[in-house]
Protein backbone atom coordinates (compact mmCIF):
# COMPACT_ATOMS: atom_id res chain seq x y z
CA MET A 1 -14.77 51.80 -8.65
CA MET A 2 -17.44 49.08 -8.62
CA PHE A 3 -16.97 48.61 -12.37
CA TYR A 4 -13.20 48.21 -11.82
CA ASN A 5 -13.72 45.57 -9.09
CA SER A 6 -16.32 43.65 -11.13
CA CYS A 7 -13.88 43.47 -14.06
CA LEU A 8 -10.91 42.53 -11.88
CA THR A 9 -12.60 39.64 -10.04
CA PRO A 10 -13.17 37.38 -13.11
CA ALA A 11 -9.62 38.14 -14.25
CA LEU A 12 -8.20 37.06 -10.88
CA ILE A 13 -10.28 33.90 -10.94
CA GLU A 14 -8.90 33.05 -14.38
CA VAL A 15 -5.36 33.64 -13.15
CA PHE A 16 -5.90 31.38 -10.13
CA VAL A 17 -7.48 28.67 -12.28
CA PHE A 18 -4.53 28.88 -14.68
CA LEU A 19 -1.98 28.70 -11.86
CA TYR A 20 -3.81 25.77 -10.22
CA SER A 21 -3.98 23.83 -13.48
CA LEU A 22 -0.28 24.54 -14.08
CA MET A 23 0.57 23.29 -10.59
CA MET A 24 -1.43 20.08 -11.14
CA LYS A 25 0.42 19.48 -14.40
CA ILE A 26 3.73 19.91 -12.62
CA MET A 27 2.63 17.45 -9.91
CA GLU A 28 1.20 14.96 -12.40
CA TYR A 29 3.36 11.87 -12.83
CA LYS A 30 4.17 10.73 -16.36
CA LYS A 31 5.21 7.22 -15.38
CA LEU A 32 4.46 4.80 -12.55
CA VAL A 33 6.59 1.73 -11.75
CA ILE A 34 5.60 -0.66 -8.92
CA TYR A 35 7.98 -3.35 -7.69
CA TYR A 36 6.24 -6.09 -5.70
CA PHE A 37 6.75 -9.45 -4.08
CA SER A 38 3.77 -11.69 -3.40
CA GLY A 39 3.32 -15.17 -2.01
CA THR A 40 -0.41 -15.87 -2.39
CA GLY A 41 -1.48 -12.82 -4.38
CA ASN A 42 -2.39 -10.04 -1.93
CA ALA A 43 0.48 -7.67 -2.78
CA ARG A 44 0.16 -8.51 -6.48
CA ASN A 45 -3.53 -7.52 -6.48
CA VAL A 46 -2.85 -4.25 -4.63
CA SER A 47 -0.15 -3.33 -7.15
CA HIS A 48 -2.49 -3.92 -10.07
CA TRP A 49 -5.33 -1.93 -8.47
CA ILE A 50 -3.04 1.10 -8.35
CA LYS A 51 -1.81 0.45 -11.88
CA ASP A 52 -5.41 0.31 -13.17
CA ILE A 53 -6.18 3.74 -11.65
CA ALA A 54 -3.00 5.18 -13.16
CA GLU A 55 -3.79 3.83 -16.62
CA LYS A 56 -7.29 5.31 -16.50
CA ARG A 57 -5.54 8.64 -16.07
CA GLU A 58 -3.32 7.83 -19.07
CA ILE A 59 -0.21 7.48 -16.96
CA GLU A 60 2.28 4.98 -18.37
CA SER A 61 2.42 2.19 -15.78
CA GLU A 62 4.42 -0.94 -15.13
CA VAL A 63 4.11 -3.60 -12.43
CA ILE A 64 7.20 -5.77 -11.81
CA ASP A 65 7.34 -8.99 -9.79
CA ILE A 66 10.83 -8.87 -8.27
CA SER A 67 10.93 -12.66 -7.84
CA LYS A 68 10.81 -13.01 -11.65
CA LEU A 69 13.66 -10.61 -12.39
CA LYS A 70 16.70 -12.35 -13.88
CA THR A 71 18.86 -10.16 -11.68
CA ARG A 72 17.81 -7.83 -8.87
CA LYS A 73 20.95 -5.75 -9.36
CA ASN A 74 21.58 -2.91 -11.82
CA ILE A 75 17.92 -1.84 -12.01
CA LYS A 76 17.43 0.92 -14.58
CA LEU A 77 15.49 3.63 -12.82
CA PRO A 78 13.41 5.96 -15.04
CA LYS A 79 13.96 9.62 -14.29
CA ASP A 80 11.08 11.55 -12.65
CA ALA A 81 8.91 8.39 -12.40
CA LEU A 82 6.80 7.61 -9.34
CA ILE A 83 8.17 4.40 -7.82
CA GLY A 84 6.12 2.06 -5.63
CA PHE A 85 7.19 -0.86 -3.42
CA CYS A 86 4.59 -3.40 -2.31
CA SER A 87 5.11 -6.60 -0.34
CA PRO A 88 3.52 -8.71 2.41
CA THR A 89 4.45 -8.32 6.05
CA HIS A 90 6.41 -11.29 7.42
CA GLY A 91 7.16 -11.28 11.12
CA PHE A 92 6.46 -7.52 11.33
CA ASN A 93 8.96 -6.70 8.61
CA PHE A 94 9.34 -6.99 4.85
CA PRO A 95 10.45 -10.49 3.83
CA PRO A 96 14.21 -10.68 3.14
CA ILE A 97 13.73 -10.78 -0.66
CA MET A 98 12.11 -7.30 -0.62
CA PHE A 99 14.35 -5.94 2.13
CA HIS A 100 17.51 -6.93 0.21
CA PHE A 101 15.98 -5.60 -3.01
CA LEU A 102 15.56 -2.18 -1.36
CA LEU A 103 19.14 -2.22 -0.10
CA ARG A 104 20.45 -2.81 -3.64
CA PHE A 105 18.02 -0.44 -5.33
CA PRO A 106 19.65 2.45 -7.24
CA ARG A 107 19.67 6.03 -6.00
CA SER A 108 16.83 8.33 -6.97
CA LYS A 109 16.84 10.25 -10.25
CA ASN A 110 14.51 12.96 -9.01
CA ASN A 111 11.95 10.30 -8.04
CA SER A 112 9.04 10.25 -5.62
CA CYS A 113 8.12 6.91 -4.09
CA PHE A 114 5.52 5.20 -1.92
CA ILE A 115 5.68 2.14 0.35
CA MET A 116 2.82 -0.34 0.73
CA ASN A 117 2.62 -3.46 2.86
CA THR A 118 -0.18 -5.99 2.95
CA ARG A 119 -0.74 -7.26 6.45
CA ALA A 120 -2.91 -9.79 8.31
CA GLY A 121 -6.43 -8.43 8.11
CA MET A 122 -9.15 -10.35 9.92
CA LYS A 123 -12.85 -9.96 10.65
CA ALA A 124 -14.93 -10.50 13.77
CA GLY A 125 -18.61 -10.44 12.85
CA LYS A 126 -19.07 -7.21 10.92
CA ILE A 127 -15.97 -5.58 12.39
CA PHE A 128 -12.85 -5.43 10.19
CA LEU A 129 -9.72 -5.97 12.26
CA PRO A 130 -6.40 -4.43 11.16
CA GLY A 131 -3.07 -6.21 11.13
CA LEU A 132 0.24 -4.85 12.42
CA SER A 133 3.11 -3.52 10.33
CA GLY A 134 5.93 -3.54 12.84
CA MET A 135 9.07 -2.11 11.26
CA VAL A 136 8.09 -2.59 7.59
CA GLN A 137 7.44 1.05 6.83
CA TYR A 138 10.18 2.61 8.95
CA PHE A 139 13.13 0.48 7.82
CA SER A 140 12.06 0.89 4.20
CA ALA A 141 11.57 4.66 4.53
CA ILE A 142 15.03 5.07 6.08
CA ILE A 143 16.67 3.11 3.24
CA LEU A 144 14.82 5.03 0.52
CA LYS A 145 15.43 8.39 2.17
CA PHE A 146 19.19 7.73 2.20
CA LYS A 147 18.92 6.88 -1.49
CA GLY A 148 17.46 10.31 -2.22
CA PHE A 149 13.79 9.44 -2.76
CA ARG A 150 10.95 11.78 -1.83
CA ILE A 151 8.53 9.64 0.15
CA ARG A 152 4.96 10.56 -0.79
CA ALA A 153 3.08 7.79 1.04
CA MET A 154 3.44 5.00 3.59
CA GLN A 155 0.31 2.88 3.30
CA PRO A 156 -0.60 -0.49 4.88
CA VAL A 157 -3.43 -2.57 3.37
CA ASP A 158 -5.27 -5.03 5.61
CA LEU A 159 -5.98 -7.96 3.30
CA PRO A 160 -6.92 -11.45 4.54
CA SER A 161 -4.23 -13.18 6.57
CA ASN A 162 -2.78 -16.14 4.67
CA TRP A 163 -0.45 -17.42 7.37
CA ILE A 164 -2.17 -20.77 7.75
CA SER A 165 0.70 -22.28 9.70
CA PHE A 166 -0.72 -20.25 12.61
CA HIS A 167 -4.46 -20.19 11.95
CA PRO A 168 -7.03 -21.75 9.58
CA GLY A 169 -7.62 -19.99 6.28
CA LEU A 170 -10.47 -17.50 6.41
CA LYS A 171 -13.91 -18.40 5.04
CA PRO A 172 -14.46 -17.43 1.38
CA THR A 173 -17.26 -15.01 2.31
CA VAL A 174 -14.97 -13.24 4.80
CA VAL A 175 -12.17 -13.07 2.21
CA ASP A 176 -14.59 -11.56 -0.34
CA SER A 177 -15.86 -8.90 2.07
CA ILE A 178 -12.35 -7.88 3.16
CA TYR A 179 -11.19 -7.71 -0.45
CA SER A 180 -14.16 -5.59 -1.49
CA LYS A 181 -13.55 -3.05 1.28
CA ARG A 182 -9.77 -2.83 0.86
CA LYS A 183 -9.96 -2.51 -2.92
CA ARG A 184 -12.17 0.59 -2.60
CA GLU A 185 -9.79 2.05 -0.03
CA THR A 186 -6.74 1.34 -2.20
CA GLU A 187 -8.36 2.94 -5.25
CA ARG A 188 -9.13 6.09 -3.23
CA PHE A 189 -5.55 6.12 -2.00
CA ALA A 190 -4.26 5.79 -5.58
CA GLN A 191 -6.41 8.72 -6.73
CA GLN A 192 -5.08 10.92 -3.93
CA LEU A 193 -1.49 9.83 -4.53
CA LEU A 194 -1.70 10.58 -8.26
CA ASN A 195 -3.25 13.95 -7.44
CA GLY A 196 -0.03 14.82 -5.63
CA LYS A 197 -1.35 14.35 -2.10
CA ARG A 198 0.67 12.73 0.66
CA SER A 199 -0.59 9.87 2.84
CA PHE A 200 1.18 8.51 5.90
CA LYS A 201 -1.32 6.03 7.33
CA GLY A 202 1.65 3.77 8.02
CA LEU A 203 2.67 6.09 10.88
CA TYR A 204 -0.67 5.86 12.73
CA THR A 205 0.41 2.87 14.83
CA LEU A 206 3.94 4.12 15.53
CA LEU A 207 3.87 3.35 19.29
CA ILE A 208 2.63 -0.23 18.82
CA ASP A 209 5.08 -0.81 15.99
CA ILE A 210 7.98 0.32 18.18
CA LEU A 211 6.85 -2.00 20.99
CA ILE A 212 6.89 -5.06 18.72
CA THR A 213 10.30 -4.25 17.23
CA PRO A 214 12.02 -7.02 19.29
CA VAL A 215 9.61 -9.55 17.73
CA ALA A 216 10.41 -8.30 14.24
CA PHE A 217 14.14 -8.52 15.00
CA ALA A 218 13.89 -12.00 16.53
CA TYR A 219 11.83 -13.26 13.57
CA TYR A 220 14.38 -11.97 11.06
CA ILE A 221 17.31 -13.50 12.96
CA VAL A 222 15.74 -16.79 14.11
CA GLY A 223 12.02 -17.22 13.43
CA ARG A 224 12.04 -17.40 9.64
CA PHE A 225 14.66 -20.19 9.66
CA VAL A 226 12.61 -22.21 12.14
CA LEU A 227 9.43 -21.75 10.08
CA ALA A 228 11.29 -22.76 6.92
CA LYS A 229 11.99 -26.05 8.66
CA SER A 230 8.36 -26.81 9.49
CA PHE A 231 6.97 -27.72 6.03
CA TYR A 232 6.81 -31.22 4.63
CA ALA A 233 4.94 -33.27 2.01
CA THR A 234 2.82 -36.25 3.07
CA ARG A 235 2.34 -39.53 1.20
CA ASP A 236 -0.48 -37.80 -0.72
CA CYS A 237 2.18 -35.96 -2.74
CA THR A 238 2.08 -37.05 -6.41
CA MET A 239 5.38 -35.35 -7.28
CA CYS A 240 3.68 -32.98 -9.69
CA LYS A 241 6.40 -30.47 -8.65
CA LEU A 242 3.96 -27.56 -8.83
CA CYS A 243 5.30 -26.27 -5.50
CA ILE A 244 8.84 -26.24 -6.89
CA GLN A 245 7.80 -24.55 -10.13
CA LYS A 246 5.71 -21.86 -8.41
CA CYS A 247 7.98 -21.08 -5.45
CA PRO A 248 8.87 -17.41 -5.98
CA ILE A 249 12.37 -17.79 -4.55
CA GLN A 250 13.18 -21.39 -5.60
CA ALA A 251 13.45 -22.53 -1.99
CA ILE A 252 12.13 -26.08 -2.58
CA LYS A 253 14.11 -28.97 -4.02
CA ILE A 254 13.76 -32.75 -4.19
CA VAL A 255 15.56 -34.76 -1.51
CA ASP A 256 14.88 -38.47 -0.87
CA ASP A 257 12.17 -38.40 -3.58
CA ARG A 258 10.06 -35.77 -1.84
CA PRO A 259 9.96 -31.95 -1.63
CA PHE A 260 12.49 -30.46 0.80
CA TRP A 261 12.31 -26.85 2.09
CA THR A 262 15.68 -25.10 2.24
CA TYR A 263 16.59 -22.40 4.78
CA THR A 264 15.92 -19.68 2.14
CA CYS A 265 12.16 -20.33 2.41
CA GLU A 266 10.26 -17.09 3.15
CA SER A 267 7.15 -18.83 4.57
CA CYS A 268 5.05 -17.03 1.95
CA MET A 269 2.52 -19.92 2.03
CA GLN A 270 2.18 -20.20 -1.73
CA CYS A 271 3.22 -23.86 -1.88
CA MET A 272 0.82 -24.96 0.84
CA ASN A 273 -2.11 -23.04 -0.62
CA ILE A 274 -1.71 -24.17 -4.25
CA CYS A 275 -0.96 -27.87 -3.71
CA PRO A 276 -3.70 -29.70 -5.68
CA GLU A 277 -3.50 -32.74 -3.36
CA ARG A 278 -3.37 -30.70 -0.12
CA ALA A 279 -0.25 -32.73 0.61
CA ILE A 280 1.90 -29.94 2.07
CA GLU A 281 1.57 -29.47 5.82
CA THR A 282 3.13 -27.60 8.74
CA ALA A 283 4.63 -30.07 11.19
CA HIS A 284 3.36 -28.50 14.41
CA GLY A 285 4.13 -31.58 16.51
CA PHE A 286 7.70 -31.79 15.21
CA VAL A 287 8.32 -28.04 15.73
CA PHE A 288 7.18 -28.13 19.37
CA ALA A 289 9.13 -31.33 20.10
CA ALA A 290 12.28 -30.02 18.41
CA TYR A 291 12.02 -26.65 20.18
CA PHE A 292 11.77 -28.20 23.66
CA LEU A 293 14.56 -30.68 22.90
CA ILE A 294 16.86 -27.90 21.65
CA LYS A 295 15.94 -25.26 24.22
CA PHE A 296 15.88 -27.34 27.41
CA TYR A 297 18.34 -30.12 26.66
CA LEU A 298 20.75 -29.61 23.75
CA LEU A 299 21.49 -25.93 24.49
CA VAL A 300 22.07 -26.73 28.17
CA LYS A 301 24.51 -29.50 27.22
CA ILE A 302 26.33 -27.27 24.72
CA TYR A 303 26.63 -24.43 27.26
CA ASP A 304 28.03 -26.83 29.87
CA LEU A 305 30.41 -28.50 27.43
CA LEU A 306 31.83 -25.23 26.06
CA GLN A 307 31.55 -23.41 29.44
CA ILE A 308 29.78 -20.53 27.69
CA ASN A 309 28.05 -19.25 30.84
CA SER A 310 31.26 -18.84 32.80
CA ILE A 311 33.02 -17.16 29.87
CA LEU A 312 30.16 -14.67 29.36
CA GLU A 313 29.86 -13.85 33.07
CA LYS A 314 33.62 -13.41 33.40
CA CYS A 315 34.12 -11.19 30.32
CA PHE A 316 30.82 -9.32 29.84
CA SER A 317 28.00 -7.86 31.90
CA GLY A 318 24.63 -6.14 31.52
CA TRP A 319 23.13 -5.57 28.09
CA LEU A 320 26.26 -6.80 26.29
CA ASN A 321 26.07 -10.12 28.08
CA ASN A 322 22.36 -10.49 27.15
CA THR A 323 22.99 -9.46 23.52
CA LEU A 324 25.82 -11.96 23.05
CA ARG A 325 23.74 -14.66 24.73
CA PHE A 326 20.86 -13.94 22.31
CA PHE A 327 23.09 -14.29 19.24
CA ILE A 328 24.78 -17.43 20.57
CA ASN A 329 21.36 -18.98 21.30
CA ALA A 330 20.06 -17.93 17.89
CA SER A 331 23.05 -19.42 16.09
CA PHE A 332 22.74 -22.78 17.86
CA ILE A 333 18.94 -22.89 17.46
CA ILE A 334 19.17 -22.29 13.70
CA LEU A 335 21.93 -24.85 13.28
CA LEU A 336 20.18 -27.48 15.38
CA PHE A 337 16.83 -26.93 13.65
CA ILE A 338 18.49 -27.37 10.24
CA ILE A 339 20.11 -30.61 11.40
CA SER A 340 16.95 -31.91 13.07
CA TYR A 341 14.86 -31.06 9.99
CA ARG A 342 17.19 -33.13 7.80
CA VAL A 343 16.81 -36.10 10.19
CA PHE A 344 13.05 -35.50 10.31
CA HIS A 345 12.88 -35.45 6.51
CA TYR A 346 14.78 -38.75 6.27
CA PHE A 347 12.46 -40.52 8.73
CA LEU A 348 9.36 -39.41 6.81
CA LYS A 349 9.92 -42.36 4.45
CA PHE A 350 8.86 -44.68 7.31
CA LYS A 351 5.09 -44.96 7.34
CA LEU A 352 4.60 -45.08 11.13
CA PHE A 353 6.71 -41.96 11.68
CA GLU A 354 5.06 -40.14 8.77
CA ARG A 355 1.56 -40.92 10.12
CA LEU A 356 2.56 -39.70 13.60
CA VAL A 357 3.77 -36.44 12.10
CA VAL A 358 0.66 -36.08 9.93
CA TYR A 359 -1.79 -36.49 12.77
CA THR A 360 0.08 -34.01 14.99
CA SER A 361 -0.06 -31.37 12.23
CA LEU A 362 -3.00 -28.99 12.64
CA THR A 363 -3.01 -28.20 8.93
CA ARG A 364 -3.97 -31.82 8.25
CA TRP A 365 -7.48 -31.43 9.64
CA LYS A 366 -10.31 -30.27 7.37
CA PHE A 367 -11.38 -27.39 9.61
CA TRP A 368 -7.92 -25.88 8.98
CA ARG A 369 -8.82 -24.27 5.67
CA ARG A 370 -6.35 -23.25 2.96
CA TYR A 371 -6.12 -19.66 1.71
CA LYS A 372 -6.97 -19.48 -1.97
CA ILE A 373 -6.93 -16.17 -3.81
CA GLU A 374 -6.94 -15.48 -7.50
CA ASN A 375 -6.16 -12.40 -9.58
CA ARG A 376 -8.64 -9.74 -8.48
CA TYR A 377 -8.00 -6.93 -10.90
């Protein structure tokens, strides 16, 4: 009996080893395709980190910048490939270019996928502070689930915040330390993902993400248009047109012999961070002045003139009244900001006005650093 058991045990071990190796082969991906959008390079670097891990495992890999695609329609989706989507977080959501790309993306051909978002990582002393995802992961997961994808991972990556319209660029030493930490984490994630494991770190902050949903919604409807109308070029601009050439969504054109930001601008910060003359600024003074003028004077006059308040109160009540009021306000704010920005842009040719704008722009001052990041892969 003991002889029988001693012979059987090695045989069982061999069977289990064989079955395990067979299972790993079944789970092993033969091809990886990552679609990304990146303003200053964070999402691009993350995509390449994962690609490097895949190639070391001899998995055929491809990284595609969606802003460089001739058409974002009729994508040919390889069967059985692992598909990744990586993009920055703008206003607690994916920027419209990535969101619309997902909506038009073809249905799955027996594909697994993963979602990654880079978000505003910071550092206080030696403590690494995470950013917030908002609705990035959830909206994307819902879209991809309806398209038949098997979602294997939802992973945020806290890389240095580049949104210098709101805060100075981080110090180079802080950027380096955040990058070093997040690269190691991303490489571990890639190893686990390619081993067939699931990872849903993107769900860890579900409660907070739900609470900031109104902010994400308001940014998508109103905020991004207002921010697109806050950039301008000072007299330091040499018309090298680098900002126009490098803009990932061609949102900048020349008007009145200076760069002009159209409403399609995603506020990705690439133009401001790559300008060799540091001539591109955020017009903080103009934005605050325009907001107060629109909010507390022009909207009041428009409501009185068109008798909007009385119409809303007479025909609607409760949440419907508030919802309609929000959309009416949003529509007028966007329209008035676009008009005021065109007037603002025209008056920049007058030196006194331009200097007033420059010195009321926080990005003008030297302590307000730019965010410069290169390829880190």
